[in-house]
């Protein structure tokens, strides 16, 4: 990845939402759904204390800044905005 977060920032790749077909046959495209709230940490700033690269985390749906790095849509959030990590 060609991006280094600063201070207490964390780069998170959200899990991808998938298209869903309802029981009545209606297609719900992934781009119309809320953003998934879990993801994987791809990078951490030097002041991050509780997370490391590769951690699977839970973040709020509408927090952080969306960035594009190497053609991938990623989220840049503060460590305090991460709600928890999966063990």
Protein backbone atom coordinates (compact mmCIF):
# COMPACT_ATOMS: atom_id res chain seq x y z
CA UNK A 1 0.00 0.00 0.00
CA UNK A 2 1.38 3.40 -0.96
CA UNK A 3 -0.08 5.30 1.99
CA UNK A 4 1.14 5.79 5.58
CA UNK A 5 -1.43 7.10 8.10
CA UNK A 6 -0.21 9.72 10.57
CA UNK A 7 -0.66 10.07 14.33
CA UNK A 8 -3.52 7.90 15.66
CA UNK A 9 -5.10 7.19 12.25
CA UNK A 10 -5.92 3.69 11.00
CA UNK A 11 -6.55 2.56 7.41
CA UNK A 12 -9.45 0.07 7.24
CA UNK A 13 -10.71 -1.91 4.25
CA UNK A 14 -14.41 -2.48 4.86
CA UNK A 15 -15.89 -5.89 4.14
CA UNK A 16 -17.69 -5.83 0.82
CA UNK A 17 -21.47 -5.81 0.76
CA UNK A 18 -23.05 -8.40 -1.47
CA UNK A 19 -26.11 -8.28 -3.72
CA UNK A 20 -29.14 -9.94 -2.12
CA UNK A 21 -32.26 -11.44 -3.65
CA UNK A 22 -35.33 -11.30 -1.41
CA UNK A 23 -37.81 -14.16 -1.06
CA UNK A 24 -40.13 -12.37 -3.49
CA UNK A 25 -37.34 -12.24 -6.10
CA UNK A 26 -36.37 -8.56 -5.76
CA UNK A 27 -32.67 -7.83 -6.28
CA UNK A 28 -31.18 -5.47 -3.70
CA UNK A 29 -27.89 -4.18 -5.18
CA UNK A 30 -24.99 -3.82 -2.76
CA UNK A 31 -24.50 -0.13 -3.56
CA UNK A 32 -27.96 0.69 -2.14
CA UNK A 33 -27.28 -0.94 1.23
CA UNK A 34 -25.60 0.63 4.25
CA UNK A 35 -21.84 0.22 4.32
CA UNK A 36 -20.69 -2.84 6.27
CA UNK A 37 -19.44 -2.01 9.71
CA UNK A 38 -16.59 -4.51 9.90
CA UNK A 39 -13.26 -4.51 8.12
CA UNK A 40 -9.56 -5.28 8.23
CA UNK A 41 -6.78 -2.93 9.33
CA UNK A 42 -4.32 -2.33 6.47
CA UNK A 43 -2.13 0.29 8.13
CA UNK A 44 -1.66 2.12 11.41
CA UNK A 45 -0.09 5.42 12.38
CA UNK A 46 2.81 5.69 14.84
CA UNK A 47 0.57 6.71 17.78
CA UNK A 48 -1.85 3.76 17.50
CA UNK A 49 -1.60 1.63 20.64
CA UNK A 50 -4.27 -1.07 20.48
CA UNK A 51 -4.42 -2.14 16.83
CA UNK A 52 -2.06 -3.68 14.32
CA UNK A 53 -2.10 -4.51 10.64
CA UNK A 54 -4.35 -7.49 9.95
CA UNK A 55 -6.75 -6.98 12.88
CA UNK A 56 -10.43 -7.47 12.05
CA UNK A 57 -12.32 -4.52 13.55
CA UNK A 58 -15.79 -3.09 14.04
CA UNK A 59 -16.27 0.56 13.04
CA UNK A 60 -19.26 2.86 12.84
CA UNK A 61 -21.10 2.99 9.53
CA UNK A 62 -20.75 6.73 8.93
CA UNK A 63 -17.36 7.65 10.37
CA UNK A 64 -13.95 8.38 8.93
CA UNK A 65 -12.86 9.62 5.54
CA UNK A 66 -13.13 7.53 2.40
CA UNK A 67 -9.87 7.48 0.43
CA UNK A 68 -8.73 5.69 -2.70
CA UNK A 69 -5.27 4.12 -2.69
CA UNK A 70 -3.96 1.93 -5.52
CA UNK A 71 -7.48 1.79 -6.98
CA UNK A 72 -9.04 0.49 -3.73
CA UNK A 73 -11.63 2.34 -1.66
CA UNK A 74 -10.47 2.47 1.95
CA UNK A 75 -11.47 4.26 5.15
CA UNK A 76 -9.19 6.46 7.22
CA UNK A 77 -10.40 6.59 10.85
CA UNK A 78 -9.00 7.62 14.22
CA UNK A 79 -8.15 4.79 16.58
CA UNK A 80 -10.79 6.06 19.05
CA UNK A 81 -13.49 5.64 16.36
CA UNK A 82 -12.85 1.89 16.16
CA UNK A 83 -15.50 0.26 18.34
CA UNK A 84 -13.69 -3.03 18.91
CA UNK A 85 -11.70 -5.87 17.37
CA UNK A 86 -12.58 -9.49 16.77
CA UNK A 87 -10.46 -12.13 18.51
